[in-house]
Amino acid sequence: MKANRYLMKKDERAQVGIGTLIIFIAMVLVAAVAAAVLIQTSGVLQERAQSTGKQAAQEVSSNMMLKSIEGVRSNDGADPAVLSETIDLLKLKVALNIGSSDIDLNQVVITVTDGLTTNDLVYAGNVKTYGVQMSGFDADNSSMNNTIELMTNTTTDAGVNGKYFFTVEKIRDEDESFSQESPIMTQGDLVTIYISTVDDDATTNTDVGGWTVADLDDTGLTIEPRATLSILMTPEAGSPTTAEFTAPSFGVDTNIGLWP
């Protein structure tokens, strides 16, 4: 009689399957983590790219266009023929370039230098740069009154008005976006920017461009014949606008074209 033999079959495939499953799960987890990192990184990069593109477009498209610069000499009022030997007020006609975005003149900085003195000017209603707006500035006033204040009054915190501020008068504003309180320039607008350049020798005069003034304040700038003046207008976004000129002989003229 044959004995029954029970053969034990060795089968280790289950152990191999568990190891493979563990490796597979680990790979899935690693892939999920990597995917999450990539998605997060791509989102950050996309946001930065959009922000950079927007800023780049503003830098390219936001440009101020300087049309002309005119200088005004002061006189003693009693005898208009007795004119200052220096330019005491600058009138800059400014517009926006084609395709330019709106520009807030509150954020524009104008740097004026005669080679010896440099004045960094902000809009008269700007209270953030020097911690105080121009002394005597009133948003309800006309630009003429504010410009007279620019050349005469002083501020306790900032100093002489003309050394730190400029004023603006609108010439063309079809959409009525511009005001003394909110000087926003839009496409098609044309404005005049006033910059005081009163010299120490002209402080006793009482008339500038037909406006009656008193106690003119010295700005430290001197624009006399053959003097070289440089003007840099820097908006919040966009390319700066520059102009440099040498003052001509004044003769008997009260208003002198300086640029272009």
Protein backbone atom coordinates (compact mmCIF):
# COMPACT_ATOMS: atom_id res chain seq x y z
CA MET A 1 0.00 0.00 0.00
CA LYS A 2 1.40 3.35 -0.98
CA ALA A 3 1.82 5.92 1.72
CA ASN A 4 -0.01 9.25 1.25
CA ARG A 5 2.33 12.03 0.64
CA TYR A 6 1.29 15.58 1.32
CA LEU A 7 3.48 17.97 -0.51
CA MET A 8 3.76 21.53 0.86
CA LYS A 9 3.96 24.01 -1.93
CA LYS A 10 6.03 27.09 -1.29
CA ASP A 11 4.42 30.25 -2.77
CA GLU A 12 6.12 33.55 -1.97
CA ARG A 13 4.41 35.65 -4.64
CA ALA A 14 2.14 37.33 -2.10
CA GLN A 15 5.14 38.81 -0.35
CA VAL A 16 6.47 40.18 -3.64
CA GLY A 17 3.04 41.69 -4.37
CA ILE A 18 2.90 43.52 -1.03
CA GLY A 19 6.34 45.03 -1.61
CA THR A 20 5.33 46.21 -5.06
CA LEU A 21 2.13 47.71 -3.65
CA ILE A 22 4.11 49.59 -1.00
CA ILE A 23 6.49 50.94 -3.62
CA PHE A 24 3.55 51.93 -5.86
CA ILE A 25 1.80 53.78 -3.02
CA ALA A 26 5.04 55.55 -2.16
CA MET A 27 5.48 56.62 -5.79
CA VAL A 28 1.91 57.94 -5.91
CA LEU A 29 2.48 59.94 -2.73
CA VAL A 30 5.75 61.37 -4.04
CA ALA A 31 4.08 62.26 -7.36
CA ALA A 32 1.19 63.95 -5.53
CA VAL A 33 3.57 66.01 -3.40
CA ALA A 34 5.64 66.95 -6.46
CA ALA A 35 2.49 67.88 -8.39
CA ALA A 36 1.28 70.07 -5.51
CA VAL A 37 4.65 71.86 -5.40
CA LEU A 38 4.65 72.36 -9.16
CA ILE A 39 1.07 73.68 -9.17
CA GLN A 40 1.83 76.09 -6.35
CA THR A 41 5.05 77.25 -8.01
CA SER A 42 3.39 77.72 -11.38
CA GLY A 43 0.60 79.74 -9.73
CA VAL A 44 3.12 82.05 -8.06
CA LEU A 45 5.08 82.42 -11.30
CA GLN A 46 1.89 83.18 -13.24
CA GLU A 47 0.88 85.85 -10.73
CA ARG A 48 4.33 87.43 -10.87
CA ALA A 49 4.37 87.29 -14.66
CA GLN A 50 1.01 89.05 -14.87
CA SER A 51 2.14 91.69 -12.38
CA THR A 52 5.42 92.20 -14.25
CA GLY A 53 3.61 92.42 -17.58
CA LYS A 54 1.20 95.02 -16.19
CA GLN A 55 4.02 97.10 -14.73
CA ALA A 56 6.01 96.81 -17.95
CA ALA A 57 3.00 97.99 -19.96
CA GLN A 58 2.60 100.97 -17.63
CA GLU A 59 6.29 101.83 -17.93
CA VAL A 60 6.03 101.80 -21.71
CA SER A 61 2.68 103.55 -22.08
CA SER A 62 2.65 106.15 -19.27
CA ASN A 63 4.53 109.12 -20.64
CA MET A 64 4.25 112.87 -20.15
CA MET A 65 4.95 115.01 -23.19
CA LEU A 66 6.52 118.43 -22.69
CA LYS A 67 5.19 120.87 -25.28
CA SER A 68 7.02 124.07 -24.37
CA ILE A 69 8.74 126.02 -21.57
CA GLU A 70 8.27 129.75 -21.12
CA GLY A 71 10.07 131.97 -18.62
CA VAL A 72 8.56 135.05 -16.92
CA ARG A 73 10.53 137.96 -15.45
CA SER A 74 9.21 139.89 -12.47
CA ASN A 75 9.14 143.69 -12.10
CA ASP A 76 8.71 146.21 -9.31
CA GLY A 77 5.05 146.90 -10.13
CA ALA A 78 5.36 150.69 -10.02
CA ASP A 79 7.44 150.68 -13.19
CA PRO A 80 6.81 147.57 -15.32
CA ALA A 81 9.75 148.51 -17.51
CA VAL A 82 12.16 147.78 -14.67
CA LEU A 83 12.50 144.05 -15.12
CA SER A 84 14.32 141.42 -13.13
CA GLU A 85 17.64 140.25 -14.55
CA THR A 86 16.54 136.65 -13.97
CA ILE A 87 13.68 134.32 -14.91
CA ASP A 88 11.46 134.11 -11.82
CA LEU A 89 8.66 131.79 -12.99
CA LEU A 90 8.60 128.85 -15.39
CA LYS A 91 5.48 127.84 -17.31
CA LEU A 92 5.61 124.26 -18.66
CA LYS A 93 2.89 123.16 -21.07
CA VAL A 94 2.40 119.41 -20.61
CA ALA A 95 0.19 116.76 -22.27
CA LEU A 96 0.07 112.96 -22.34
CA ASN A 97 1.75 110.99 -25.08
CA ILE A 98 -0.32 108.86 -27.45
CA GLY A 99 -1.54 105.69 -25.72
CA SER A 100 -0.49 106.90 -22.29
CA SER A 101 -2.37 105.82 -19.19
CA ASP A 102 -3.88 108.42 -16.85
CA ILE A 103 -1.32 110.25 -14.71
CA ASP A 104 -1.91 111.63 -11.22
CA LEU A 105 0.17 114.79 -10.87
CA ASN A 106 0.06 114.24 -7.09
CA GLN A 107 2.60 111.47 -7.69
CA VAL A 108 4.86 113.36 -10.11
CA VAL A 109 8.25 114.63 -8.93
CA ILE A 110 9.89 117.48 -10.87
CA THR A 111 13.62 117.96 -10.36
CA VAL A 112 15.01 121.36 -11.36
CA THR A 113 18.70 122.23 -11.27
CA ASP A 114 20.76 125.20 -12.44
CA GLY A 115 24.06 123.42 -11.86
CA LEU A 116 24.46 124.77 -8.33
CA THR A 117 21.05 124.27 -6.71
CA THR A 118 18.68 121.32 -7.14
CA ASN A 119 15.02 121.48 -6.07
CA ASP A 120 12.80 118.39 -5.94
CA LEU A 121 9.22 119.59 -6.38
CA VAL A 122 5.86 117.88 -5.77
CA TYR A 123 2.31 119.03 -6.39
CA ALA A 124 1.10 121.79 -4.03
CA GLY A 125 -1.68 119.58 -2.63
CA ASN A 126 0.62 116.62 -1.89
CA VAL A 127 0.81 116.10 1.89
CA LYS A 128 2.72 112.79 1.93
CA THR A 129 6.14 113.70 0.57
CA TYR A 130 7.07 116.49 2.97
CA GLY A 131 4.40 115.81 5.59
CA VAL A 132 2.54 119.02 4.76
CA GLN A 133 0.96 120.55 1.67
CA MET A 134 2.07 123.90 0.29
CA SER A 135 1.42 126.76 2.66
CA GLY A 136 -1.62 128.71 1.47
CA PHE A 137 -2.80 125.96 -0.89
CA ASP A 138 -6.57 125.72 -1.23
CA ALA A 139 -8.22 123.10 -3.44
CA ASP A 140 -11.11 125.52 -3.97
CA ASN A 141 -8.81 128.35 -5.02
CA SER A 142 -7.98 129.18 -8.61
CA SER A 143 -4.62 128.09 -9.97
CA MET A 144 -3.63 131.78 -10.10
CA ASN A 145 -4.12 132.22 -6.34
CA ASN A 146 -2.25 129.00 -5.61
CA THR A 147 0.60 130.07 -7.89
CA ILE A 148 0.86 133.43 -6.09
CA GLU A 149 1.09 131.47 -2.83
CA LEU A 150 3.79 129.33 -4.47
CA MET A 151 6.02 132.37 -4.99
CA THR A 152 5.38 134.16 -1.70
CA ASN A 153 4.38 132.14 1.38
CA THR A 154 6.57 129.78 3.38
CA THR A 155 5.76 126.63 5.31
CA THR A 156 6.92 125.86 8.84
CA ASP A 157 7.67 122.18 8.16
CA ALA A 158 8.88 122.12 4.58
CA GLY A 159 10.37 125.60 4.10
CA VAL A 160 10.04 128.02 1.20
CA ASN A 161 7.10 126.99 -1.01
CA GLY A 162 8.97 127.42 -4.28
CA LYS A 163 11.76 125.09 -3.17
CA TYR A 164 9.42 122.14 -2.62
CA PHE A 165 6.21 122.54 -4.64
CA PHE A 166 4.75 123.29 -8.07
CA THR A 167 1.23 124.30 -9.09
CA VAL A 168 -0.89 123.38 -12.12
CA GLU A 169 -3.51 125.12 -14.25
CA LYS A 170 -5.69 123.23 -16.70
CA ILE A 171 -5.91 124.49 -20.28
CA ARG A 172 -7.93 121.69 -21.89
CA ASP A 173 -9.96 119.13 -19.94
CA GLU A 174 -12.81 117.71 -22.01
CA ASP A 175 -13.82 114.99 -19.53
CA GLU A 176 -13.52 117.34 -16.53
CA SER A 177 -11.26 114.87 -14.74
CA PHE A 178 -8.81 117.55 -13.56
CA SER A 179 -9.23 119.70 -10.46
CA GLN A 180 -6.95 121.42 -7.93
CA GLU A 181 -7.94 118.78 -5.38
CA SER A 182 -7.52 115.82 -7.75
CA PRO A 183 -5.07 116.68 -10.55
CA ILE A 184 -5.64 113.66 -12.81
CA MET A 185 -4.47 113.99 -16.42
CA THR A 186 -6.26 111.88 -19.03
CA GLN A 187 -5.75 111.47 -22.75
CA GLY A 188 -6.28 114.80 -24.54
CA ASP A 189 -5.70 116.99 -21.47
CA LEU A 190 -3.34 119.96 -21.64
CA VAL A 191 -2.07 121.73 -18.52
CA THR A 192 0.41 124.41 -17.48
CA ILE A 193 2.81 123.56 -14.66
CA TYR A 194 4.17 126.55 -12.74
CA ILE A 195 7.63 126.38 -11.16
CA SER A 196 8.96 129.22 -9.03
CA THR A 197 12.57 130.18 -9.80
CA VAL A 198 12.70 133.47 -7.89
CA ASP A 199 16.27 134.67 -7.40
CA ASP A 200 17.41 136.50 -4.27
CA ASP A 201 17.82 139.77 -6.20
CA ALA A 202 14.17 139.65 -7.34
CA THR A 203 12.53 139.22 -3.92
CA THR A 204 11.68 142.95 -3.69
CA ASN A 205 9.62 142.91 -6.91
CA THR A 206 5.82 142.91 -6.70
CA ASP A 207 4.60 141.79 -10.12
CA VAL A 208 5.07 138.48 -11.94
CA GLY A 209 3.31 137.96 -15.25
CA GLY A 210 0.68 140.56 -14.41
CA TRP A 211 -0.06 139.00 -11.01
CA THR A 212 0.40 141.24 -7.99
CA VAL A 213 2.63 139.55 -5.45
CA ALA A 214 4.49 140.59 -2.32
CA ASP A 215 7.52 139.32 -0.46
CA LEU A 216 8.76 136.94 -3.13
CA ASP A 217 10.72 134.03 -1.67
CA ASP A 218 14.18 133.05 -2.88
CA THR A 219 14.20 129.50 -4.31
CA GLY A 220 17.97 129.25 -4.59
CA LEU A 221 17.76 128.93 -8.39
CA THR A 222 19.28 131.54 -10.69
CA ILE A 223 18.23 131.67 -14.33
CA GLU A 224 20.09 134.49 -16.02
CA PRO A 225 21.25 134.81 -19.63
CA ARG A 226 23.56 131.94 -20.67
CA ALA A 227 22.59 129.90 -17.59
CA THR A 228 21.89 126.21 -18.18
CA LEU A 229 18.82 124.67 -16.60
CA SER A 230 17.83 120.99 -16.47
CA ILE A 231 14.30 119.73 -15.74
CA LEU A 232 13.36 116.11 -15.05
CA MET A 233 9.70 115.07 -14.65
CA THR A 234 9.27 111.63 -13.09
CA PRO A 235 5.73 110.12 -12.94
CA GLU A 236 4.70 107.30 -10.63
CA ALA A 237 4.90 104.84 -13.54
CA GLY A 238 6.37 105.39 -16.95
CA SER A 239 9.42 106.95 -18.49
CA PRO A 240 10.73 110.25 -17.13
CA THR A 241 10.61 113.36 -19.32
CA THR A 242 13.67 115.59 -19.52
CA ALA A 243 14.45 119.04 -20.91
CA GLU A 244 17.69 120.99 -20.82
CA PHE A 245 18.26 124.46 -22.20
CA THR A 246 20.52 127.48 -22.02
CA ALA A 247 18.72 130.74 -21.33
CA PRO A 248 19.02 133.31 -24.15
CA SER A 249 19.49 137.06 -23.80
CA PHE A 250 16.37 138.64 -22.32
CA GLY A 251 16.43 142.12 -23.84
CA VAL A 252 13.27 144.00 -22.88
CA ASP A 253 10.97 140.97 -23.02
CA THR A 254 8.92 139.94 -20.00
CA ASN A 255 8.06 136.49 -21.36
CA ILE A 256 10.88 134.47 -22.94
CA GLY A 257 10.56 131.21 -24.84
CA LEU A 258 13.12 128.81 -23.39
CA TRP A 259 12.35 125.38 -24.87
CA PRO A 260 12.21 123.90 -27.45
